[in-house]
């Protein structure tokens, strides 16, 4: 069985982007209820690839125990286009489908107020 792709949304902040990740649903049922991947694996790894005009950079692999979670990628250049793709893997399942690329422009100056 393949894991993925996760659902990814990105919003911009000043010299950073906020990445919200929703884990893909599983195909396993227990008493008619669809199990989440966290139900099955308890903990999953995710890896974010960041793409900009400078090329692609794989971020450090992180762990999650939540179905929906956010992470902020900081120290980016302002007013620049960044795209992210996320892949989720489990220790027992390395067959992962990456998410579609999601792109956002980082903010150039702090908004007033």
C-alpha atoms as a PDB file:
ATOM      1  CA  UNK A   1       0.000   0.000   0.000  1.00  0.00           C
ATOM      2  CA  UNK A   2       1.221   3.472  -0.807  1.00  0.00           C
ATOM      3  CA  UNK A   3       1.223   6.297   1.709  1.00  0.00           C
ATOM      4  CA  UNK A   4       0.092   9.562   0.314  1.00  0.00           C
ATOM      5  CA  UNK A   5      -0.047  11.980  -1.051  1.00  0.00           C
ATOM      6  CA  UNK A   6      -0.636  14.279   1.930  1.00  0.00           C
ATOM      7  CA  UNK A   7      -2.678  17.445   1.572  1.00  0.00           C
ATOM      8  CA  UNK A   8      -0.517  20.535   1.821  1.00  0.00           C
ATOM      9  CA  UNK A   9      -1.353  24.219   2.186  1.00  0.00           C
ATOM     10  CA  UNK A  10       1.141  27.045   2.453  1.00  0.00           C
ATOM     11  CA  UNK A  11       0.692  30.596   3.661  1.00  0.00           C
ATOM     12  CA  UNK A  12       3.327  33.300   3.718  1.00  0.00           C
ATOM     13  CA  UNK A  13       4.803  35.177   6.610  1.00  0.00           C
ATOM     14  CA  UNK A  14       7.723  37.605   6.764  1.00  0.00           C
ATOM     15  CA  UNK A  15      10.780  35.749   5.429  1.00  0.00           C
ATOM     16  CA  UNK A  16       9.039  32.486   6.232  1.00  0.00           C
ATOM     17  CA  UNK A  17       6.276  30.191   5.090  1.00  0.00           C
ATOM     18  CA  UNK A  18       3.791  28.276   7.173  1.00  0.00           C
ATOM     19  CA  UNK A  19       3.157  24.760   5.894  1.00  0.00           C
ATOM     20  CA  UNK A  20       0.008  22.945   6.997  1.00  0.00           C
ATOM     21  CA  UNK A  21       0.059  19.218   6.355  1.00  0.00           C
ATOM     22  CA  UNK A  22      -2.875  16.836   6.504  1.00  0.00           C
ATOM     23  CA  UNK A  23      -1.855  13.209   6.437  1.00  0.00           C
ATOM     24  CA  UNK A  24      -3.439  11.037   3.754  1.00  0.00           C
ATOM     25  CA  UNK A  25      -6.246   8.777   4.895  1.00  0.00           C
ATOM     26  CA  UNK A  26      -5.655   5.072   5.145  1.00  0.00           C
ATOM     27  CA  UNK A  27      -7.671   2.361   3.484  1.00  0.00           C
ATOM     28  CA  UNK A  28      -8.001   0.308   6.648  1.00  0.00           C
ATOM     29  CA  UNK A  29     -11.279   0.000   8.473  1.00  0.00           C
ATOM     30  CA  UNK A  30     -12.060  -1.161  11.972  1.00  0.00           C
ATOM     31  CA  UNK A  31     -15.714  -1.580  12.910  1.00  0.00           C
ATOM     32  CA  UNK A  32     -16.716   0.433   9.823  1.00  0.00           C
ATOM     33  CA  UNK A  33     -14.554   3.360  10.898  1.00  0.00           C
ATOM     34  CA  UNK A  34     -11.761   4.480   8.595  1.00  0.00           C
ATOM     35  CA  UNK A  35      -8.515   4.426  10.524  1.00  0.00           C
ATOM     36  CA  UNK A  36      -6.039   7.272  10.331  1.00  0.00           C
ATOM     37  CA  UNK A  37      -2.405   6.588   9.583  1.00  0.00           C
ATOM     38  CA  UNK A  38      -1.643   7.597  13.167  1.00  0.00           C
ATOM     39  CA  UNK A  39      -4.085   4.903  14.353  1.00  0.00           C
ATOM     40  CA  UNK A  40      -2.070   2.380  12.388  1.00  0.00           C
ATOM     41  CA  UNK A  41       1.535   3.523  12.689  1.00  0.00           C
ATOM     42  CA  UNK A  42       1.363   5.759  15.810  1.00  0.00           C
ATOM     43  CA  UNK A  43       4.181   7.882  14.419  1.00  0.00           C
ATOM     44  CA  UNK A  44       5.106   8.937  10.911  1.00  0.00           C
ATOM     45  CA  UNK A  45       8.051  10.644   9.286  1.00  0.00           C
ATOM     46  CA  UNK A  46       7.571  13.531   6.925  1.00  0.00           C
ATOM     47  CA  UNK A  47      10.040  15.291   4.725  1.00  0.00           C
ATOM     48  CA  UNK A  48       9.529  18.687   3.098  1.00  0.00           C
ATOM     49  CA  UNK A  49      11.264  19.620  -0.122  1.00  0.00           C
ATOM     50  CA  UNK A  50      11.585  23.374  -0.613  1.00  0.00           C
ATOM     51  CA  UNK A  51      11.944  24.675  -4.145  1.00  0.00           C
ATOM     52  CA  UNK A  52      12.981  28.226  -5.071  1.00  0.00           C
ATOM     53  CA  UNK A  53      14.927  29.991  -7.779  1.00  0.00           C
ATOM     54  CA  UNK A  54      18.062  28.637  -6.086  1.00  0.00           C
ATOM     55  CA  UNK A  55      16.982  25.032  -6.633  1.00  0.00           C
ATOM     56  CA  UNK A  56      15.502  22.294  -4.490  1.00  0.00           C
ATOM     57  CA  UNK A  57      16.456  21.603  -0.899  1.00  0.00           C
ATOM     58  CA  UNK A  58      15.320  18.658   1.173  1.00  0.00           C
ATOM     59  CA  UNK A  59      14.593  19.632   4.741  1.00  0.00           C
ATOM     60  CA  UNK A  60      15.431  17.467   7.717  1.00  0.00           C
ATOM     61  CA  UNK A  61      13.041  14.577   8.148  1.00  0.00           C
ATOM     62  CA  UNK A  62      10.698  15.148  11.072  1.00  0.00           C
ATOM     63  CA  UNK A  63       8.240  13.018  13.004  1.00  0.00           C
ATOM     64  CA  UNK A  64       4.565  13.581  13.652  1.00  0.00           C
ATOM     65  CA  UNK A  65       1.928  11.899  15.789  1.00  0.00           C
ATOM     66  CA  UNK A  66      -0.898  14.114  14.529  1.00  0.00           C
ATOM     67  CA  UNK A  67      -3.105  13.839  11.483  1.00  0.00           C
ATOM     68  CA  UNK A  68      -3.100  17.597  10.830  1.00  0.00           C
ATOM     69  CA  UNK A  69      -0.161  19.758  11.841  1.00  0.00           C
ATOM     70  CA  UNK A  70       1.777  22.857  10.841  1.00  0.00           C
ATOM     71  CA  UNK A  71       5.414  23.728  10.558  1.00  0.00           C
ATOM     72  CA  UNK A  72       7.113  27.019   9.764  1.00  0.00           C
ATOM     73  CA  UNK A  73      10.115  27.252   7.450  1.00  0.00           C
ATOM     74  CA  UNK A  74      12.067  30.327   8.470  1.00  0.00           C
ATOM     75  CA  UNK A  75      15.035  32.364   7.297  1.00  0.00           C
ATOM     76  CA  UNK A  76      13.765  32.686   3.746  1.00  0.00           C
ATOM     77  CA  UNK A  77      14.165  35.633   1.444  1.00  0.00           C
ATOM     78  CA  UNK A  78      11.306  38.154   1.388  1.00  0.00           C
ATOM     79  CA  UNK A  79       9.210  38.686  -1.703  1.00  0.00           C
ATOM     80  CA  UNK A  80      10.291  35.466  -3.347  1.00  0.00           C
ATOM     81  CA  UNK A  81       8.389  32.488  -4.665  1.00  0.00           C
ATOM     82  CA  UNK A  82       8.796  29.233  -2.745  1.00  0.00           C
ATOM     83  CA  UNK A  83       7.206  25.873  -3.459  1.00  0.00           C
ATOM     84  CA  UNK A  84       6.941  22.906  -1.136  1.00  0.00           C
ATOM     85  CA  UNK A  85       6.222  19.238  -1.607  1.00  0.00           C
ATOM     86  CA  UNK A  86       5.770  16.855   1.307  1.00  0.00           C
ATOM     87  CA  UNK A  87       6.279  13.127   1.458  1.00  0.00           C
ATOM     88  CA  UNK A  88       5.155  10.953   4.369  1.00  0.00           C
ATOM     89  CA  UNK A  89       6.723   7.646   5.311  1.00  0.00           C
ATOM     90  CA  UNK A  90       6.376   5.068   8.050  1.00  0.00           C
ATOM     91  CA  UNK A  91       9.087   2.857   9.447  1.00  0.00           C
ATOM     92  CA  UNK A  92       7.222  -0.153   8.085  1.00  0.00           C
ATOM     93  CA  UNK A  93       6.139   1.418   4.823  1.00  0.00           C
ATOM     94  CA  UNK A  94       8.555   3.229   2.549  1.00  0.00           C
ATOM     95  CA  UNK A  95       6.181   3.429  -0.435  1.00  0.00           C
ATOM     96  CA  UNK A  96       5.300   7.101  -0.409  1.00  0.00           C
ATOM     97  CA  UNK A  97       3.704   9.439  -2.902  1.00  0.00           C
ATOM     98  CA  UNK A  98       4.774  13.094  -2.601  1.00  0.00           C
ATOM     99  CA  UNK A  99       2.183  15.835  -2.474  1.00  0.00           C
ATOM    100  CA  UNK A 100       1.651  18.191  -5.372  1.00  0.00           C
ATOM    101  CA  UNK A 101       3.826  21.300  -5.292  1.00  0.00           C
ATOM    102  CA  UNK A 102       2.228  24.222  -3.470  1.00  0.00           C
ATOM    103  CA  UNK A 103       3.715  27.659  -4.017  1.00  0.00           C
ATOM    104  CA  UNK A 104       3.537  30.961  -2.184  1.00  0.00           C
ATOM    105  CA  UNK A 105       5.255  34.340  -2.294  1.00  0.00           C
ATOM    106  CA  UNK A 106       6.916  35.335   0.968  1.00  0.00           C
ATOM    107  CA  UNK A 107       5.870  38.713   2.346  1.00  0.00           C
ATOM    108  CA  UNK A 108       8.116  41.625   1.466  1.00  0.00           C
ATOM    109  CA  UNK A 109       7.464  43.924   4.424  1.00  0.00           C
ATOM    110  CA  UNK A 110       5.528  43.501   7.621  1.00  0.00           C
ATOM    111  CA  UNK A 111       1.934  44.514   7.054  1.00  0.00           C
ATOM    112  CA  UNK A 112       0.863  47.615   9.027  1.00  0.00           C
ATOM    113  CA  UNK A 113      -1.207  47.086  12.126  1.00  0.00           C
END
